N, C-alpha and C. Protein backbone atom coordinates (compact mmCIF):
# COMPACT_ATOMS: atom_id res chain seq x y z
N MET A 1 -17.09 -7.17 -22.00
CA MET A 1 -16.95 -6.55 -21.06
C MET A 1 -15.84 -7.51 -20.05
N THR A 2 -16.28 -8.73 -19.84
CA THR A 2 -15.78 -9.79 -19.06
C THR A 2 -14.08 -9.82 -19.51
N LEU A 3 -14.01 -10.35 -20.27
CA LEU A 3 -12.84 -10.80 -21.20
C LEU A 3 -11.96 -9.29 -20.99
N LEU A 4 -12.68 -8.49 -20.95
CA LEU A 4 -11.34 -7.10 -20.75
C LEU A 4 -11.26 -6.92 -18.97
N ALA A 5 -12.09 -7.03 -18.56
CA ALA A 5 -11.43 -7.43 -16.82
C ALA A 5 -11.10 -8.62 -16.65
N PHE A 6 -11.10 -9.83 -17.70
CA PHE A 6 -10.02 -10.57 -17.06
C PHE A 6 -8.73 -10.41 -17.42
N ALA A 7 -8.49 -9.54 -18.55
CA ALA A 7 -7.32 -9.48 -19.20
C ALA A 7 -6.60 -8.50 -18.19
N GLU A 8 -7.44 -7.49 -17.65
CA GLU A 8 -6.92 -6.35 -16.86
C GLU A 8 -6.29 -7.36 -15.53
N GLY A 9 -6.80 -8.16 -15.34
CA GLY A 9 -6.46 -9.22 -13.93
C GLY A 9 -6.83 -8.47 -12.64
N PRO A 10 -6.28 -9.43 -11.63
CA PRO A 10 -6.96 -9.00 -10.01
C PRO A 10 -6.32 -7.42 -9.73
N LYS A 11 -6.82 -7.19 -8.91
CA LYS A 11 -6.25 -5.74 -8.35
C LYS A 11 -5.48 -6.26 -7.22
N SER A 12 -4.10 -5.52 -7.20
CA SER A 12 -3.59 -6.01 -5.91
C SER A 12 -2.81 -5.29 -5.20
N LEU A 13 -2.48 -4.83 -4.09
CA LEU A 13 -2.13 -4.01 -3.12
C LEU A 13 -1.01 -4.90 -1.73
N ILE A 14 0.26 -4.13 -1.81
CA ILE A 14 1.25 -4.58 -1.14
C ILE A 14 1.46 -3.29 0.28
N SER A 15 1.31 -3.36 1.21
CA SER A 15 1.38 -2.40 2.14
C SER A 15 2.49 -2.81 3.11
N GLY A 16 3.67 -1.92 3.76
CA GLY A 16 4.07 -1.61 5.35
C GLY A 16 3.26 -0.97 5.98
N ASN A 17 3.58 -1.20 6.90
CA ASN A 17 3.23 -0.43 7.97
C ASN A 17 3.94 -0.33 9.47
N LEU A 18 3.73 0.31 10.53
CA LEU A 18 4.33 0.63 11.67
C LEU A 18 3.56 1.18 12.89
N GLY A 19 3.20 0.39 13.87
CA GLY A 19 2.28 1.03 14.76
C GLY A 19 2.56 0.30 16.09
N VAL A 20 1.60 0.66 16.85
CA VAL A 20 1.51 -0.20 18.11
C VAL A 20 0.52 -0.71 18.24
N ASN A 21 0.59 -2.26 19.09
CA ASN A 21 -0.21 -3.12 19.54
C ASN A 21 -0.29 -3.22 21.47
N PHE A 22 -1.79 -2.74 21.80
CA PHE A 22 -1.94 -2.90 23.18
C PHE A 22 -2.33 -4.47 23.64
N PHE A 23 -1.55 -5.76 23.70
CA PHE A 23 -1.51 -6.59 23.47
C PHE A 23 -2.64 -6.98 25.60
N ASN A 24 -3.91 -7.59 25.47
CA ASN A 24 -4.25 -7.44 26.67
C ASN A 24 -4.32 -6.33 27.39
N TYR A 25 -3.99 -5.21 27.18
CA TYR A 25 -4.28 -4.05 27.44
C TYR A 25 -3.31 -4.06 28.78
N LYS A 26 -2.33 -4.82 28.89
CA LYS A 26 -1.01 -4.81 29.94
C LYS A 26 0.20 -4.96 29.18
N THR A 27 0.40 -5.22 27.90
CA THR A 27 1.97 -5.17 27.34
C THR A 27 1.46 -4.17 25.96
N THR A 28 2.45 -3.60 25.71
CA THR A 28 2.51 -2.35 24.49
C THR A 28 3.67 -2.74 23.80
N TYR A 29 3.13 -3.21 22.69
CA TYR A 29 4.45 -3.74 21.24
C TYR A 29 4.56 -2.73 20.85
N LEU A 30 5.70 -2.34 20.28
CA LEU A 30 5.84 -1.58 18.69
C LEU A 30 6.31 -2.91 17.47
N THR A 31 5.00 -1.99 16.66
CA THR A 31 5.27 -3.26 15.36
C THR A 31 5.31 -2.61 14.46
N THR A 32 5.98 -3.94 13.07
CA THR A 32 6.02 -3.44 11.37
C THR A 32 5.65 -4.50 11.01
N GLY A 33 4.72 -4.14 9.94
CA GLY A 33 4.61 -5.48 9.37
C GLY A 33 4.16 -5.29 7.87
N ILE A 34 3.93 -6.27 7.21
CA ILE A 34 3.15 -6.37 5.89
C ILE A 34 2.26 -7.02 5.39
N THR A 35 1.48 -6.54 4.86
CA THR A 35 0.17 -7.08 4.48
C THR A 35 0.17 -7.19 2.59
N TYR A 36 -0.61 -8.21 2.00
CA TYR A 36 -0.90 -8.33 0.49
C TYR A 36 -2.48 -8.31 0.83
N GLN A 37 -2.85 -7.58 -0.34
CA GLN A 37 -4.29 -7.57 -0.38
C GLN A 37 -4.62 -8.03 -1.65
N MET A 38 -4.88 -8.62 -2.27
CA MET A 38 -5.80 -8.98 -4.05
C MET A 38 -7.56 -9.23 -3.94
N GLN A 39 -8.02 -8.62 -4.82
CA GLN A 39 -9.08 -8.49 -5.08
C GLN A 39 -9.90 -9.91 -5.87
N VAL A 40 -10.63 -10.33 -4.97
CA VAL A 40 -11.26 -11.61 -5.23
C VAL A 40 -12.36 -11.41 -6.38
N ARG A 41 -12.98 -10.32 -6.37
CA ARG A 41 -13.90 -10.01 -6.89
C ARG A 41 -14.85 -8.39 -6.57
N PRO A 42 -15.19 -7.87 -7.02
CA PRO A 42 -15.05 -6.16 -7.07
C PRO A 42 -15.87 -6.16 -5.31
N GLY A 43 -15.39 -5.34 -4.57
CA GLY A 43 -16.13 -5.14 -3.45
C GLY A 43 -15.60 -5.92 -2.31
N MET A 44 -14.85 -7.61 -2.73
CA MET A 44 -14.36 -7.87 -1.72
C MET A 44 -12.84 -8.36 -1.88
N ASP A 45 -11.56 -8.35 -0.84
CA ASP A 45 -10.62 -8.61 -1.30
C ASP A 45 -9.69 -9.56 -0.24
N VAL A 46 -9.27 -10.32 -0.50
CA VAL A 46 -8.30 -11.34 0.70
C VAL A 46 -7.32 -11.00 0.67
N VAL A 47 -6.91 -11.28 2.10
CA VAL A 47 -5.79 -10.52 2.86
C VAL A 47 -5.03 -11.60 3.33
N GLY A 48 -3.37 -11.21 3.54
CA GLY A 48 -2.84 -11.91 4.35
C GLY A 48 -1.56 -11.28 4.26
N GLY A 49 -0.89 -11.32 5.93
CA GLY A 49 -0.16 -10.50 6.37
C GLY A 49 0.87 -10.97 7.56
N ALA A 50 1.89 -10.39 8.22
CA ALA A 50 2.31 -10.62 9.52
C ALA A 50 2.95 -9.25 9.72
N ASP A 51 2.67 -9.42 11.07
CA ASP A 51 3.10 -8.49 11.68
C ASP A 51 4.46 -9.03 12.96
N PHE A 52 5.55 -7.97 13.54
CA PHE A 52 6.21 -8.14 14.03
C PHE A 52 6.37 -7.27 15.40
N GLY A 53 6.43 -7.46 16.18
CA GLY A 53 6.31 -6.61 17.77
C GLY A 53 6.85 -7.17 18.55
N ILE A 54 7.58 -5.89 19.13
CA ILE A 54 8.73 -6.09 20.25
C ILE A 54 8.28 -5.30 21.37
N HIS A 55 8.20 -5.81 22.55
CA HIS A 55 8.50 -4.65 23.83
C HIS A 55 9.57 -5.01 24.94
N THR A 56 10.46 -3.70 25.61
CA THR A 56 11.41 -4.49 26.08
C THR A 56 11.29 -3.36 27.25
N GLU A 57 11.84 -4.00 28.07
CA GLU A 57 11.79 -3.70 29.87
C GLU A 57 13.27 -3.63 30.98
N GLN A 58 13.81 -2.51 30.74
CA GLN A 58 15.11 -2.48 31.98
C GLN A 58 14.65 -3.59 33.32
N THR A 59 15.70 -4.15 33.26
CA THR A 59 15.71 -4.94 34.47
C THR A 59 16.24 -4.55 35.99
N ALA A 60 16.17 -5.18 36.75
CA ALA A 60 17.02 -4.32 38.02
C ALA A 60 18.71 -4.27 37.90
N SER A 61 18.95 -4.96 36.87
CA SER A 61 20.66 -5.29 37.15
C SER A 61 21.07 -4.15 35.94
N GLY A 62 20.10 -3.41 35.34
CA GLY A 62 20.29 -2.93 34.52
C GLY A 62 20.14 -3.27 32.73
N SER A 63 19.91 -4.50 32.48
CA SER A 63 20.28 -5.16 31.38
C SER A 63 18.70 -5.00 30.84
N THR A 64 18.87 -4.96 29.20
CA THR A 64 17.22 -4.93 28.81
C THR A 64 16.49 -6.22 28.20
N GLN A 65 15.31 -6.31 29.07
CA GLN A 65 14.72 -7.67 28.21
C GLN A 65 13.75 -7.96 27.05
N ALA A 66 13.55 -8.33 26.82
CA ALA A 66 12.92 -8.07 25.25
C ALA A 66 11.64 -9.13 25.37
N ASP A 67 10.55 -9.22 24.77
CA ASP A 67 9.72 -10.13 24.74
C ASP A 67 9.06 -10.05 23.08
N PHE A 68 8.71 -11.01 22.76
CA PHE A 68 8.32 -10.59 21.26
C PHE A 68 6.62 -10.92 20.91
N LEU A 69 6.13 -10.42 19.79
CA LEU A 69 5.05 -10.78 19.57
C LEU A 69 4.89 -11.01 17.88
N ILE A 70 4.67 -12.29 17.25
CA ILE A 70 4.60 -12.46 15.97
C ILE A 70 2.77 -12.80 15.32
N PRO A 71 2.16 -11.52 15.11
CA PRO A 71 0.47 -11.99 14.53
C PRO A 71 0.49 -12.49 13.18
N LEU A 72 0.12 -13.46 12.88
CA LEU A 72 -0.30 -13.60 11.49
C LEU A 72 -1.75 -12.82 11.04
N LYS A 73 -2.17 -12.31 9.69
CA LYS A 73 -3.43 -12.07 9.78
C LYS A 73 -3.87 -12.81 8.17
N ILE A 74 -5.21 -13.13 8.37
CA ILE A 74 -5.51 -13.90 6.84
C ILE A 74 -7.11 -13.84 6.80
N GLY A 75 -7.66 -13.30 5.90
CA GLY A 75 -8.84 -12.50 6.33
C GLY A 75 -9.60 -11.69 4.74
N LEU A 76 -10.86 -11.01 5.21
CA LEU A 76 -11.11 -10.49 3.63
C LEU A 76 -11.65 -8.94 4.39
N ASN A 77 -11.16 -8.08 3.24
CA ASN A 77 -11.41 -6.61 3.36
C ASN A 77 -12.97 -6.30 2.32
N PHE A 78 -13.51 -5.54 2.85
CA PHE A 78 -14.37 -5.20 1.73
C PHE A 78 -14.40 -3.70 1.93
N PRO A 79 -14.03 -3.48 0.57
CA PRO A 79 -13.77 -2.13 0.58
C PRO A 79 -14.82 -0.97 -0.04
N PHE A 80 -14.64 0.53 0.32
CA PHE A 80 -16.00 1.06 0.17
C PHE A 80 -15.57 2.44 -0.68
N GLU A 81 -15.34 2.92 -1.79
CA GLU A 81 -14.41 3.76 -2.35
C GLU A 81 -15.38 4.89 -2.19
N THR A 82 -14.72 6.01 -2.02
CA THR A 82 -15.55 7.61 -2.25
C THR A 82 -14.12 8.19 -3.12
N PRO A 83 -14.99 9.71 -3.04
CA PRO A 83 -13.72 10.14 -4.42
C PRO A 83 -12.39 10.44 -3.36
N LYS A 84 -12.65 11.01 -2.05
CA LYS A 84 -11.55 11.33 -1.38
C LYS A 84 -10.82 10.30 -0.60
N ALA A 85 -11.24 8.88 -0.63
CA ALA A 85 -10.89 7.93 0.03
C ALA A 85 -11.08 6.51 0.13
N ILE A 86 -10.54 5.42 0.00
CA ILE A 86 -11.11 4.13 0.35
C ILE A 86 -11.52 3.83 1.24
N TYR A 87 -12.30 3.26 2.20
CA TYR A 87 -12.89 2.99 3.18
C TYR A 87 -12.72 1.00 3.43
N GLY A 88 -12.38 0.36 4.37
CA GLY A 88 -12.26 -0.73 4.29
C GLY A 88 -12.63 -1.63 5.64
N LEU A 89 -13.58 -2.62 5.82
CA LEU A 89 -13.83 -3.39 6.84
C LEU A 89 -13.14 -4.55 6.81
N GLY A 90 -12.42 -4.92 7.54
CA GLY A 90 -12.08 -6.15 7.17
C GLY A 90 -12.39 -7.63 8.11
N THR A 91 -12.32 -8.74 8.27
CA THR A 91 -12.41 -9.67 9.70
C THR A 91 -11.95 -11.10 8.72
N GLY A 92 -11.09 -11.68 10.11
CA GLY A 92 -10.71 -12.91 9.67
C GLY A 92 -10.26 -13.48 10.65
N ILE A 93 -9.02 -14.60 10.60
CA ILE A 93 -8.49 -15.03 12.10
C ILE A 93 -7.10 -14.32 11.73
N ARG A 94 -7.01 -14.62 13.49
CA ARG A 94 -5.19 -14.37 13.43
C ARG A 94 -4.51 -14.68 14.52
N PRO A 95 -3.82 -15.72 13.73
CA PRO A 95 -2.78 -16.73 14.80
C PRO A 95 -1.95 -16.08 15.19
N CYS A 96 -1.23 -15.94 16.29
CA CYS A 96 -0.54 -15.51 17.08
C CYS A 96 0.62 -15.60 17.78
N PHE A 97 1.74 -15.40 17.52
CA PHE A 97 3.15 -16.09 18.59
C PHE A 97 3.78 -15.15 19.52
N GLN A 98 3.93 -15.69 20.63
CA GLN A 98 4.31 -14.81 21.12
C GLN A 98 5.57 -15.20 22.38
N SER A 99 6.88 -14.73 22.64
CA SER A 99 7.88 -14.92 22.97
C SER A 99 8.13 -13.92 24.46
N THR A 100 8.48 -14.60 25.66
CA THR A 100 8.10 -13.49 26.59
C THR A 100 8.73 -14.28 27.54
N SER A 101 9.59 -13.22 28.42
CA SER A 101 10.88 -13.98 29.37
C SER A 101 9.90 -14.60 30.84
N ASP A 102 8.70 -13.95 30.86
CA ASP A 102 7.33 -14.31 31.68
C ASP A 102 7.23 -16.14 31.25
N THR A 103 7.68 -16.91 31.93
CA THR A 103 6.93 -18.41 31.37
C THR A 103 5.69 -18.63 31.66
N THR A 104 4.78 -17.42 32.25
CA THR A 104 3.46 -17.91 32.19
C THR A 104 2.54 -17.54 31.30
N ALA A 105 3.28 -16.63 30.39
CA ALA A 105 2.61 -15.75 29.29
C ALA A 105 2.52 -17.27 28.07
N PRO A 106 1.19 -16.84 27.43
CA PRO A 106 0.78 -17.60 26.35
C PRO A 106 2.35 -17.78 24.85
N SER A 107 1.83 -18.92 24.60
CA SER A 107 3.20 -19.01 23.10
C SER A 107 2.39 -18.93 21.91
N PHE A 108 1.30 -19.57 21.79
CA PHE A 108 0.34 -19.83 20.48
C PHE A 108 -1.20 -19.72 20.88
N LEU A 109 -1.36 -18.12 20.66
CA LEU A 109 -3.01 -18.02 20.61
C LEU A 109 -3.59 -17.75 19.24
N MET A 110 -4.69 -18.07 18.52
CA MET A 110 -5.63 -17.80 17.70
C MET A 110 -7.07 -17.28 17.94
N GLY A 111 -7.68 -16.26 17.10
CA GLY A 111 -9.01 -16.05 17.21
C GLY A 111 -9.31 -15.02 16.26
N PRO A 112 -10.63 -14.53 15.80
CA PRO A 112 -11.21 -13.66 14.96
C PRO A 112 -10.49 -12.31 15.36
N TYR A 113 -10.76 -11.83 14.13
CA TYR A 113 -10.16 -10.05 14.30
C TYR A 113 -11.09 -9.47 13.40
N ILE A 114 -11.56 -8.28 13.65
CA ILE A 114 -12.13 -7.22 12.92
C ILE A 114 -11.41 -5.66 13.08
N ASN A 115 -11.51 -5.12 11.87
CA ASN A 115 -10.68 -3.91 11.79
C ASN A 115 -11.23 -2.68 10.78
N GLY A 116 -11.02 -1.50 10.94
CA GLY A 116 -11.20 -0.87 9.74
C GLY A 116 -10.17 0.23 9.39
N THR A 117 -10.39 0.30 7.92
CA THR A 117 -9.36 0.94 7.46
C THR A 117 -9.27 2.15 6.37
N VAL A 118 -8.45 3.18 6.48
CA VAL A 118 -8.56 4.49 5.40
C VAL A 118 -7.71 4.85 4.71
N ARG A 119 -7.61 4.56 3.57
CA ARG A 119 -6.80 4.90 2.65
C ARG A 119 -6.91 6.09 1.45
N PHE A 120 -5.83 6.94 1.15
CA PHE A 120 -5.86 7.65 0.70
C PHE A 120 -4.70 7.74 -0.28
N GLN A 121 -5.43 8.37 -1.20
CA GLN A 121 -4.21 8.18 -2.69
C GLN A 121 -3.36 9.56 -2.22
N VAL A 122 -2.12 9.48 -2.62
CA VAL A 122 -0.90 10.91 -2.29
C VAL A 122 -0.68 10.55 -3.80
N HIS A 123 -0.01 9.32 -4.52
CA HIS A 123 0.37 9.40 -5.84
C HIS A 123 0.04 8.52 -6.85
N PRO A 124 0.23 8.49 -7.82
CA PRO A 124 -0.71 7.50 -8.83
C PRO A 124 -0.30 6.17 -8.55
N VAL A 125 0.75 5.78 -7.79
CA VAL A 125 0.93 4.06 -7.44
C VAL A 125 1.14 4.21 -5.56
N MET A 126 0.64 5.17 -4.93
CA MET A 126 0.89 4.98 -3.81
C MET A 126 -0.16 5.92 -3.06
N SER A 127 -0.49 5.15 -1.70
CA SER A 127 -1.40 5.73 -0.93
C SER A 127 -0.94 5.76 0.77
N LEU A 128 -1.37 6.49 1.59
CA LEU A 128 -0.99 6.03 2.40
C LEU A 128 -2.08 5.63 3.62
N VAL A 129 -2.42 4.68 4.40
CA VAL A 129 -2.75 3.83 4.83
C VAL A 129 -3.08 3.97 6.70
N VAL A 130 -3.99 3.95 7.16
CA VAL A 130 -4.50 3.99 8.61
C VAL A 130 -5.07 2.52 9.04
N GLN A 131 -4.92 2.35 9.81
CA GLN A 131 -5.92 0.97 10.15
C GLN A 131 -5.97 0.93 12.05
N LEU A 132 -7.49 0.84 12.32
CA LEU A 132 -7.54 -0.04 13.46
C LEU A 132 -7.73 -1.40 13.77
N GLN A 133 -7.31 -1.89 14.50
CA GLN A 133 -7.49 -3.38 14.57
C GLN A 133 -8.18 -3.99 15.98
N GLN A 134 -9.37 -4.93 16.22
CA GLN A 134 -9.42 -5.41 17.33
C GLN A 134 -9.52 -6.75 17.27
N ASP A 135 -8.40 -7.57 18.03
CA ASP A 135 -8.40 -9.27 18.19
C ASP A 135 -9.03 -9.56 19.23
N LEU A 136 -9.41 -10.80 19.41
CA LEU A 136 -10.21 -11.67 19.98
C LEU A 136 -9.38 -12.84 20.36
N LEU A 137 -8.48 -13.03 20.69
CA LEU A 137 -7.49 -14.45 20.46
C LEU A 137 -7.73 -15.43 22.24
N PHE A 138 -7.59 -16.56 21.80
CA PHE A 138 -7.94 -17.54 22.60
C PHE A 138 -6.80 -18.62 22.62
N GLY A 139 -6.10 -19.12 24.44
CA GLY A 139 -4.97 -19.92 24.40
C GLY A 139 -4.68 -19.72 26.18
N LYS A 140 -3.97 -20.77 25.86
CA LYS A 140 -3.56 -21.12 27.53
C LYS A 140 -2.34 -19.96 27.81
N PRO A 141 -2.43 -19.61 29.29
CA PRO A 141 -3.15 -20.00 30.61
C PRO A 141 -4.35 -19.24 30.96
N ASP A 142 -4.45 -18.17 30.08
CA ASP A 142 -5.73 -17.50 30.60
C ASP A 142 -7.10 -17.79 29.70
N TRP A 143 -6.69 -18.28 28.31
CA TRP A 143 -7.83 -18.84 27.32
C TRP A 143 -8.15 -17.61 26.80
N ILE A 144 -8.66 -16.12 27.55
CA ILE A 144 -9.12 -15.48 26.84
C ILE A 144 -8.13 -14.25 26.98
N TYR A 145 -7.96 -13.90 25.34
CA TYR A 145 -6.86 -11.98 25.44
C TYR A 145 -7.64 -11.71 24.03
N THR A 146 -7.12 -10.30 24.76
CA THR A 146 -7.85 -9.20 23.75
C THR A 146 -6.47 -8.51 22.89
N ALA A 147 -6.59 -7.54 22.34
CA ALA A 147 -5.56 -6.59 21.43
C ALA A 147 -6.17 -5.96 20.64
N THR A 148 -5.41 -4.61 21.05
CA THR A 148 -6.07 -3.57 19.67
C THR A 148 -4.98 -3.06 19.08
N SER A 149 -4.62 -3.02 18.12
CA SER A 149 -3.68 -2.14 17.01
C SER A 149 -3.96 -1.43 16.41
N ILE A 150 -3.37 -0.16 16.38
CA ILE A 150 -3.10 0.76 15.43
C ILE A 150 -1.94 1.07 14.49
N SER A 151 -1.94 1.47 13.23
CA SER A 151 -0.85 1.52 12.38
C SER A 151 -0.99 1.77 11.23
N ALA A 152 -0.15 2.55 10.88
CA ALA A 152 -0.01 3.81 9.78
C ALA A 152 0.81 3.03 8.76
N GLY A 153 1.12 3.62 7.64
CA GLY A 153 1.84 2.83 6.27
C GLY A 153 1.75 3.31 5.00
N ILE A 154 2.23 2.47 4.34
CA ILE A 154 2.09 3.14 2.69
C ILE A 154 1.87 2.05 2.09
N ALA A 155 0.90 1.80 0.90
CA ALA A 155 0.44 0.92 0.14
C ALA A 155 0.75 1.20 -1.22
N PHE A 156 1.57 0.14 -1.93
CA PHE A 156 1.93 0.04 -3.26
C PHE A 156 0.62 -0.44 -4.13
């Protein structure tokens, strides 16, 4: 049985998503991202990914000003399989890069995250994914930042 499991190899998943990030509950970023998830052992997956977020505003002169957010994700996911869906609880570390026109905004933050995921199988090789994530980030100048992300996507 062990040889059969080794021959099949670890299960992996690639997903793309679109969502919103409510950064510090002051700025809303439209995000898109990609995540790679690989089974380490039954009931535990390692996860790595990156998002790209953009927030735009019109200035008084009529031009558009853009702020950017690039959060990375490195962590573990613990899936719970049911006949109708796969639920997951994830945790890990979140390095985050931010570029804004406001010079007092942070440029690098890092901290832990926790998330909940639901995955619905809609095709033999494709699933719909919905995720809610909470980040606690640390860095200058205010030292403590929070962010809530909501995303939906497709996993293969």
